[in-house]
Amino acid sequence: MPKDPVVILTALNLEYQAVRQKLTRPQMHRHERGTRFEVGTVQGTSCRVAIGLTSKGNHSAAVIAERAIQEFSPVAVLFVGVAGALWDATRLGDVVMASHVYAYHGGTSEDDGLKARPRVWEAPHGISQLASHLARLNDWADSASGHEDAPQVRFGAVAAGEVVQNSRISTEAKWIRQHYNDALAIEMEAAGVAQAGHLNGAPVAIIRGISDRADGTKNSTDDRNWQPQAAANAAAFAIRLAMELAAEQEEAAVPQDGRAPSADRPGRHVSNVAHNSTVGIMAGSVTGSNVHLNTTPQESRPMNLIAKLNGFRGSLRRHHGEGAIDEDTYREALADLDSALRSAGGNTPESSKRTTMTLRRLRGLVVDCPALMAELAPLVATAGDRP
């Protein structure tokens, strides 16, 4: 694909349609396992967006999010839709942008009660800063909202579990408010998407429109009236954020002096490789040439990467034997390493992208082992630099 898209995922068709209607000529894109995405551009812009439907629940959301990341290598993944408010200060129709996500169902049951053992994922700093900037500009909401008060963007924690929360007096409702009292909203998918992003090295933003108060009024007439508006508000802010992310990507691709590549300023990089040598090159313009000094040609670089990946396998085995990584992590890491080795043998931009993405996912698996992280970092860089 000529430019990496922004991926927007939703759990419900209502949310999907709210995003889709903002795209021009969305085209079907089918994953090899049958998952269907649509890819289009935001109306009036060059911002490419791939949208997909995860269905309800963290587990399904995690699987589809990982497929989307592997398929599109996106600039970012935005999970968009509706949620319930946990506190009255958050109005119906407002948009909550997650500063961090709680997987609140982790815990241990003991004689004196259930002790919380949450997992937490923080939003990427750059996306949080950009979202805050857009909220201050306050030009993202659809003008035809139909409501007197314009929706506001609020930043705070989002709690993600495995049940529909629709009570303020149930045991679980009280437990959530006791242990996660900074959470603004509650839903059922954000933890899965956040975990998929973490394991694959992809930035994730959770954007939720408030459609109910998770207080027993869910599925009421009021809820049914607010749900489309909340989904539309979340979609409007997500699209605005996607446009800015795409614009930043385009700016990063332009030389800092603002000049386009020309005949005497080649657009492709120059790579000088020499061992035990001092090299001086002066030229006004050199085009279509390779210089190899006391070294093997660049075509051997994939083999060097393969050798280093095989060496990393030994490090994985050693740290597993020492107890630095558990059995499940070790097996998943070996599977990712085998996948990276298969794609590293290719010599195309697509195989390079697959290798890089797989190694980023592997890096997420061994994040708790600094020695393996340090060894893997240059391999990720090498895979990304391959032609």
Protein backbone atom coordinates (compact mmCIF):
# COMPACT_ATOMS: atom_id res chain seq x y z
CA MET A 1 0.00 0.00 0.00
CA PRO A 2 1.37 3.45 -0.87
CA LYS A 3 0.68 4.96 2.56
CA ASP A 4 -0.03 3.36 5.92
CA PRO A 5 -3.66 3.91 6.96
CA VAL A 6 -5.18 4.60 10.34
CA VAL A 7 -7.18 1.57 11.52
CA ILE A 8 -10.53 2.26 13.21
CA LEU A 9 -12.26 -0.69 14.89
CA THR A 10 -15.75 -0.86 16.38
CA ALA A 11 -17.71 -3.52 18.26
CA LEU A 12 -21.21 -2.71 16.96
CA ASN A 13 -22.64 -2.11 13.49
CA LEU A 14 -24.12 1.17 14.70
CA GLU A 15 -20.62 2.39 15.57
CA TYR A 16 -19.19 1.01 12.32
CA GLN A 17 -21.74 2.93 10.24
CA ALA A 18 -21.00 6.14 12.13
CA VAL A 19 -17.37 5.89 10.98
CA ARG A 20 -18.08 4.51 7.50
CA GLN A 21 -20.33 7.39 6.48
CA LYS A 22 -17.38 9.75 6.86
CA LEU A 23 -15.33 7.88 4.25
CA THR A 24 -15.30 8.26 0.48
CA ARG A 25 -15.75 5.12 -1.65
CA PRO A 26 -14.72 2.50 0.94
CA GLN A 27 -13.41 -0.64 -0.75
CA MET A 28 -13.61 -4.18 0.63
CA HIS A 29 -10.34 -5.70 1.88
CA ARG A 30 -10.47 -9.37 2.89
CA HIS A 31 -8.03 -10.89 5.36
CA GLU A 32 -6.80 -14.38 4.47
CA ARG A 33 -8.74 -15.80 7.44
CA GLY A 34 -12.01 -14.25 6.30
CA THR A 35 -12.11 -11.06 8.35
CA ARG A 36 -13.45 -8.22 6.21
CA PHE A 37 -12.23 -4.65 6.41
CA GLU A 38 -13.10 -1.63 4.32
CA VAL A 39 -10.52 0.93 3.27
CA GLY A 40 -11.43 4.45 2.20
CA THR A 41 -10.34 8.06 2.55
CA VAL A 42 -11.81 10.70 4.82
CA GLN A 43 -14.04 12.95 2.75
CA GLY A 44 -12.12 15.88 1.29
CA THR A 45 -8.71 14.64 2.48
CA SER A 46 -5.99 12.14 1.58
CA CYS A 47 -6.25 10.42 4.99
CA ARG A 48 -6.66 6.66 4.47
CA VAL A 49 -8.73 4.73 7.01
CA ALA A 50 -9.27 0.98 7.33
CA ILE A 51 -12.35 0.06 9.36
CA GLY A 52 -13.24 -3.29 10.89
CA LEU A 53 -15.88 -4.86 13.13
CA THR A 54 -14.67 -6.84 16.16
CA SER A 55 -18.02 -7.79 17.79
CA LYS A 56 -18.41 -7.66 21.58
CA GLY A 57 -15.81 -8.69 24.14
CA ASN A 58 -12.12 -8.20 24.84
CA HIS A 59 -11.05 -11.54 23.38
CA SER A 60 -12.66 -11.00 19.98
CA ALA A 61 -11.44 -7.40 19.90
CA ALA A 62 -7.86 -8.51 20.58
CA VAL A 63 -7.88 -11.05 17.72
CA ILE A 64 -9.31 -8.65 15.14
CA ALA A 65 -7.04 -5.83 16.29
CA GLU A 66 -3.98 -8.03 15.83
CA ARG A 67 -5.14 -9.07 12.37
CA ALA A 68 -5.65 -5.42 11.42
CA ILE A 69 -2.18 -4.48 12.68
CA GLN A 70 -0.52 -7.33 10.80
CA GLU A 71 -2.51 -6.61 7.63
CA PHE A 72 -2.11 -2.83 7.42
CA SER A 73 0.91 -1.83 9.58
CA PRO A 74 -1.17 1.20 10.59
CA VAL A 75 -0.10 4.61 11.80
CA ALA A 76 -2.34 3.92 14.81
CA VAL A 77 -5.33 1.84 15.90
CA LEU A 78 -8.37 3.74 17.15
CA PHE A 79 -11.09 1.80 18.95
CA VAL A 80 -14.31 3.77 18.63
CA GLY A 81 -17.84 3.38 19.97
CA VAL A 82 -20.16 3.84 22.93
CA ALA A 83 -19.71 3.22 26.64
CA GLY A 84 -21.44 3.71 29.96
CA ALA A 85 -20.50 6.55 32.31
CA LEU A 86 -19.47 5.65 35.85
CA TRP A 87 -19.95 9.15 37.27
CA ASP A 88 -22.61 11.82 36.76
CA ALA A 89 -20.04 14.49 35.87
CA THR A 90 -19.63 12.86 32.46
CA ARG A 91 -22.63 13.89 30.37
CA LEU A 92 -24.50 11.75 27.89
CA GLY A 93 -23.05 12.44 24.45
CA ASP A 94 -19.63 13.44 25.76
CA VAL A 95 -16.55 11.68 24.38
CA VAL A 96 -14.07 9.93 26.68
CA MET A 97 -10.52 9.50 25.42
CA ALA A 98 -8.75 6.87 27.54
CA SER A 99 -5.64 8.07 29.34
CA HIS A 100 -5.26 4.45 30.42
CA VAL A 101 -7.25 1.23 30.24
CA TYR A 102 -8.02 -1.14 33.13
CA ALA A 103 -8.69 -4.82 32.58
CA TYR A 104 -10.67 -4.87 35.81
CA HIS A 105 -11.63 -8.53 36.00
CA GLY A 106 -8.22 -9.66 37.20
CA GLY A 107 -8.27 -10.63 40.88
CA THR A 108 -7.79 -13.23 43.56
CA SER A 109 -10.62 -14.60 45.69
CA GLU A 110 -9.67 -14.90 49.36
CA ASP A 111 -11.52 -15.49 52.63
CA ASP A 112 -11.84 -11.78 53.26
CA GLY A 113 -13.05 -10.92 49.77
CA LEU A 114 -11.97 -10.37 46.18
CA LYS A 115 -8.62 -8.60 45.83
CA ALA A 116 -8.09 -6.63 42.63
CA ARG A 117 -5.24 -7.58 40.29
CA PRO A 118 -5.79 -5.29 37.31
CA ARG A 119 -3.73 -4.95 34.17
CA VAL A 120 -3.24 -1.42 32.89
CA TRP A 121 -2.22 0.02 29.52
CA GLU A 122 -1.43 3.71 29.17
CA ALA A 123 -2.27 5.64 26.02
CA PRO A 124 0.78 6.61 23.91
CA HIS A 125 2.08 10.02 24.96
CA GLY A 126 2.13 11.46 21.44
CA ILE A 127 -1.49 10.51 20.72
CA SER A 128 -2.63 11.81 24.11
CA GLN A 129 -0.92 15.14 23.45
CA LEU A 130 -2.46 15.41 19.99
CA ALA A 131 -5.93 14.51 21.29
CA SER A 132 -5.65 17.15 24.03
CA HIS A 133 -4.72 19.72 21.41
CA LEU A 134 -7.73 18.83 19.27
CA ALA A 135 -10.01 18.99 22.30
CA ARG A 136 -8.79 22.53 22.99
CA LEU A 137 -9.40 23.55 19.38
CA ASN A 138 -12.93 22.20 19.79
CA ASP A 139 -13.66 22.10 16.05
CA TRP A 140 -14.26 18.37 15.69
CA ALA A 141 -17.97 17.95 16.52
CA ASP A 142 -20.54 17.64 13.75
CA SER A 143 -22.42 20.92 13.43
CA ALA A 144 -25.73 19.10 12.97
CA SER A 145 -25.59 17.37 16.34
CA GLY A 146 -29.17 18.29 17.18
CA HIS A 147 -28.33 19.08 20.81
CA GLU A 148 -28.09 22.48 22.43
CA ASP A 149 -24.89 21.70 24.36
CA ALA A 150 -21.93 20.66 22.24
CA PRO A 151 -20.22 17.45 23.38
CA GLN A 152 -16.98 17.73 25.31
CA VAL A 153 -13.88 15.52 25.24
CA ARG A 154 -12.88 14.16 28.63
CA PHE A 155 -9.62 12.37 29.41
CA GLY A 156 -9.44 9.62 32.01
CA ALA A 157 -9.37 5.89 32.67
CA VAL A 158 -11.66 3.43 30.89
CA ALA A 159 -12.55 0.16 32.64
CA ALA A 160 -12.94 -2.89 30.39
CA GLY A 161 -14.46 -6.16 31.60
CA GLU A 162 -16.35 -9.17 30.35
CA VAL A 163 -19.90 -8.41 31.47
CA VAL A 164 -22.48 -5.76 30.59
CA GLN A 165 -22.55 -3.38 33.56
CA ASN A 166 -26.05 -1.99 34.17
CA SER A 167 -26.39 -1.31 37.89
CA ARG A 168 -25.13 1.04 40.58
CA ILE A 169 -26.04 -1.16 43.52
CA SER A 170 -24.87 -4.62 42.47
CA THR A 171 -21.86 -6.16 44.22
CA GLU A 172 -19.74 -5.80 41.10
CA ALA A 173 -20.80 -2.19 40.54
CA LYS A 174 -19.74 -1.27 44.07
CA TRP A 175 -16.49 -3.19 43.68
CA ILE A 176 -15.63 -1.34 40.46
CA ARG A 177 -16.27 2.04 42.03
CA GLN A 178 -14.20 1.06 45.06
CA HIS A 179 -11.13 -0.19 43.19
CA TYR A 180 -11.32 1.87 39.96
CA ASN A 181 -12.86 5.12 41.16
CA ASP A 182 -10.88 7.19 38.64
CA ALA A 183 -12.50 5.40 35.68
CA LEU A 184 -14.84 7.65 33.70
CA ALA A 185 -16.39 4.98 31.51
CA ILE A 186 -16.94 1.24 31.39
CA GLU A 187 -17.12 -1.11 28.39
CA MET A 188 -16.05 -4.55 27.13
CA GLU A 189 -13.35 -4.30 24.42
CA ALA A 190 -10.66 -1.71 25.21
CA ALA A 191 -8.39 -4.09 27.15
CA GLY A 192 -8.21 -6.53 24.25
CA VAL A 193 -7.32 -3.84 21.71
CA ALA A 194 -4.77 -2.29 24.08
CA GLN A 195 -3.08 -5.67 24.61
CA ALA A 196 -2.92 -6.33 20.86
CA GLY A 197 -1.32 -2.94 20.32
CA HIS A 198 1.17 -3.54 23.11
CA LEU A 199 2.28 -6.91 21.75
CA ASN A 200 2.59 -5.61 18.19
CA GLY A 201 4.24 -2.26 18.85
CA ALA A 202 1.27 -0.32 17.47
CA PRO A 203 -0.08 2.85 19.15
CA VAL A 204 -3.69 2.49 20.33
CA ALA A 205 -6.28 5.11 21.27
CA ILE A 206 -9.63 4.29 22.90
CA ILE A 207 -12.41 6.78 22.05
CA ARG A 208 -15.85 6.28 23.57
CA GLY A 209 -19.08 8.26 23.32
CA ILE A 210 -21.22 8.12 26.47
CA SER A 211 -24.64 6.62 25.70
CA ASP A 212 -25.80 5.56 29.19
CA ARG A 213 -24.85 5.68 32.86
CA ALA A 214 -24.42 1.94 33.54
CA ASP A 215 -27.04 2.40 36.27
CA GLY A 216 -30.00 0.23 35.24
CA THR A 217 -31.24 2.47 32.42
CA LYS A 218 -29.40 0.62 29.67
CA ASN A 219 -31.74 -0.47 26.85
CA SER A 220 -34.28 2.14 27.92
CA THR A 221 -35.82 4.57 25.45
CA ASP A 222 -33.39 7.25 26.61
CA ASP A 223 -30.46 4.93 25.99
CA ARG A 224 -31.70 4.01 22.51
CA ASN A 225 -32.04 7.71 21.67
CA TRP A 226 -28.56 8.58 22.92
CA GLN A 227 -26.69 5.62 21.47
CA PRO A 228 -26.63 6.85 17.82
CA GLN A 229 -25.60 10.35 18.94
CA ALA A 230 -22.85 9.04 21.23
CA ALA A 231 -21.52 6.81 18.41
CA ALA A 232 -21.57 9.76 15.99
CA ASN A 233 -19.69 11.98 18.45
CA ALA A 234 -17.02 9.34 19.05
CA ALA A 235 -16.67 8.80 15.28
CA ALA A 236 -16.34 12.55 14.65
CA PHE A 237 -13.51 12.94 17.16
CA ALA A 238 -11.80 9.75 15.96
CA ILE A 239 -11.87 10.91 12.33
CA ARG A 240 -10.42 14.29 13.33
CA LEU A 241 -7.66 12.52 15.23
CA ALA A 242 -7.01 10.19 12.27
CA MET A 243 -6.66 13.17 9.93
CA GLU A 244 -4.05 14.76 12.19
CA LEU A 245 -2.13 11.50 12.57
CA ALA A 246 -2.06 11.08 8.78
CA ALA A 247 -0.90 14.67 8.34
CA GLU A 248 1.94 14.12 10.81
CA GLN A 249 2.96 11.00 8.89
CA GLU A 250 3.11 12.97 5.64
CA GLU A 251 5.14 15.76 7.27
CA ALA A 252 7.63 13.23 8.60
CA ALA A 253 8.15 11.89 5.07
CA VAL A 254 9.11 15.32 3.66
CA PRO A 255 12.76 16.50 3.97
CA GLN A 256 13.18 19.06 6.75
CA ASP A 257 14.16 21.81 4.30
CA GLY A 258 10.83 21.29 2.52
CA ARG A 259 12.38 20.60 -0.90
CA ALA A 260 11.24 17.65 -2.95
CA PRO A 261 13.88 15.12 -4.06
CA SER A 262 15.57 16.07 -7.33
CA ALA A 263 18.20 14.73 -9.66
CA ASP A 264 21.02 16.20 -7.57
CA ARG A 265 19.25 15.34 -4.29
CA PRO A 266 18.34 11.66 -4.65
CA GLY A 267 15.21 10.58 -2.85
CA ARG A 268 16.71 7.24 -1.90
CA HIS A 269 19.21 6.90 0.91
CA VAL A 270 22.93 6.27 0.40
CA SER A 271 24.45 3.39 2.32
CA ASN A 272 28.21 3.06 2.78
CA VAL A 273 29.42 -0.22 4.26
CA ALA A 274 33.09 -0.82 5.03
CA HIS A 275 35.03 -2.92 7.51
CA ASN A 276 38.37 -1.80 9.00
CA SER A 277 38.57 1.02 6.47
CA THR A 278 38.42 4.78 6.23
CA VAL A 279 36.26 5.92 3.33
CA GLY A 280 35.97 9.38 1.79
CA ILE A 281 33.47 10.09 -0.98
CA MET A 282 32.95 13.46 -2.64
CA ALA A 283 30.55 13.87 -5.50
CA GLY A 284 28.17 16.40 -6.94
CA SER A 285 25.70 13.75 -8.08
CA VAL A 286 25.99 9.98 -8.17
CA THR A 287 22.97 8.05 -9.40
CA GLY A 288 22.36 4.31 -9.66
CA SER A 289 25.73 3.29 -8.22
CA ASN A 290 26.83 0.98 -5.43
CA VAL A 291 30.17 1.13 -3.61
CA HIS A 292 31.38 -1.96 -1.73
CA LEU A 293 34.71 -1.77 0.08
CA ASN A 294 36.20 -4.85 1.71
CA THR A 295 32.77 -6.21 2.42
CA THR A 296 30.12 -8.47 1.00
CA PRO A 297 27.41 -6.96 -1.20
CA GLN A 298 24.25 -5.65 0.41
CA GLU A 299 22.28 -8.59 -0.91
CA SER A 300 23.87 -10.69 1.86
CA ARG A 301 22.20 -8.58 4.58
CA PRO A 302 19.12 -10.84 4.85
CA MET A 303 21.46 -13.74 5.57
CA ASN A 304 23.19 -11.69 8.29
CA LEU A 305 19.81 -10.97 9.85
CA ILE A 306 18.86 -14.64 9.68
CA ALA A 307 22.10 -15.57 11.44
CA LYS A 308 21.42 -13.03 14.18
CA LEU A 309 17.85 -14.28 14.59
CA ASN A 310 19.13 -17.83 14.97
CA GLY A 311 21.53 -16.54 17.59
CA PHE A 312 18.64 -14.88 19.40
CA ARG A 313 16.95 -18.29 19.61
CA GLY A 314 19.82 -19.47 21.81
CA SER A 315 19.40 -16.44 24.05
CA LEU A 316 15.69 -17.16 24.38
CA ARG A 317 16.43 -20.74 25.36
CA ARG A 318 18.99 -19.66 27.94
CA HIS A 319 16.79 -17.06 29.62
CA HIS A 320 13.86 -19.48 29.64
CA GLY A 321 16.07 -22.04 31.37
CA GLU A 322 17.05 -19.42 33.95
CA GLY A 323 13.40 -18.60 34.65
CA ALA A 324 13.46 -15.07 33.19
CA ILE A 325 10.50 -15.88 30.92
CA ASP A 326 7.71 -18.36 31.59
CA GLU A 327 6.75 -21.36 29.46
CA ASP A 328 3.79 -19.74 27.66
CA THR A 329 5.78 -16.63 26.78
CA TYR A 330 8.69 -18.79 25.62
CA ARG A 331 6.50 -20.81 23.23
CA GLU A 332 4.84 -17.69 21.80
CA ALA A 333 8.25 -16.05 21.39
CA LEU A 334 9.58 -19.09 19.50
CA ALA A 335 6.55 -19.02 17.21
CA ASP A 336 7.12 -15.33 16.42
CA LEU A 337 10.84 -15.96 15.89
CA ASP A 338 10.08 -18.75 13.41
CA SER A 339 7.69 -16.43 11.57
CA ALA A 340 10.32 -13.68 11.44
CA LEU A 341 12.90 -16.12 10.05
CA ARG A 342 10.54 -17.19 7.27
CA SER A 343 9.83 -13.63 6.16
CA ALA A 344 13.45 -12.50 6.61
CA GLY A 345 14.45 -14.77 3.73
CA GLY A 346 12.49 -12.59 1.32
CA ASN A 347 13.93 -9.57 -0.44
CA THR A 348 10.87 -7.39 -0.98
CA PRO A 349 9.47 -4.37 0.91
CA GLU A 350 6.50 -6.51 1.94
CA SER A 351 8.67 -9.24 3.49
CA SER A 352 10.72 -6.58 5.28
CA LYS A 353 7.53 -5.09 6.72
CA ARG A 354 6.33 -8.51 7.87
CA THR A 355 9.67 -9.22 9.53
CA THR A 356 9.68 -5.87 11.32
CA MET A 357 6.11 -6.24 12.60
CA THR A 358 6.76 -9.78 13.85
CA LEU A 359 9.91 -8.70 15.68
CA ARG A 360 8.01 -5.81 17.28
CA ARG A 361 5.44 -8.29 18.55
CA LEU A 362 8.27 -10.49 19.83
CA ARG A 363 9.71 -7.44 21.61
CA GLY A 364 6.37 -7.00 23.39
CA LEU A 365 6.54 -10.58 24.65
CA VAL A 366 10.02 -10.23 26.20
CA VAL A 367 9.53 -6.72 27.57
CA ASP A 368 10.07 -7.98 31.14
CA CYS A 369 13.56 -9.28 30.29
CA PRO A 370 15.94 -6.31 29.74
CA ALA A 371 18.75 -8.49 28.37
CA LEU A 372 16.55 -9.91 25.61
CA MET A 373 15.08 -6.46 24.87
CA ALA A 374 18.58 -5.05 24.41
CA GLU A 375 19.56 -7.90 22.07
CA LEU A 376 16.37 -7.64 20.04
CA ALA A 377 16.36 -3.85 19.52
CA PRO A 378 19.11 -3.78 16.83
CA LEU A 379 17.47 -6.71 15.03
CA VAL A 380 14.22 -4.74 14.73
CA ALA A 381 16.20 -1.80 13.34
CA THR A 382 18.06 -4.04 10.88
CA ALA A 383 14.82 -5.61 9.63
CA GLY A 384 13.34 -2.14 9.07
CA ASP A 385 16.38 -0.92 7.12
CA ARG A 386 16.34 -3.77 4.62
CA PRO A 387 15.47 -2.76 1.02
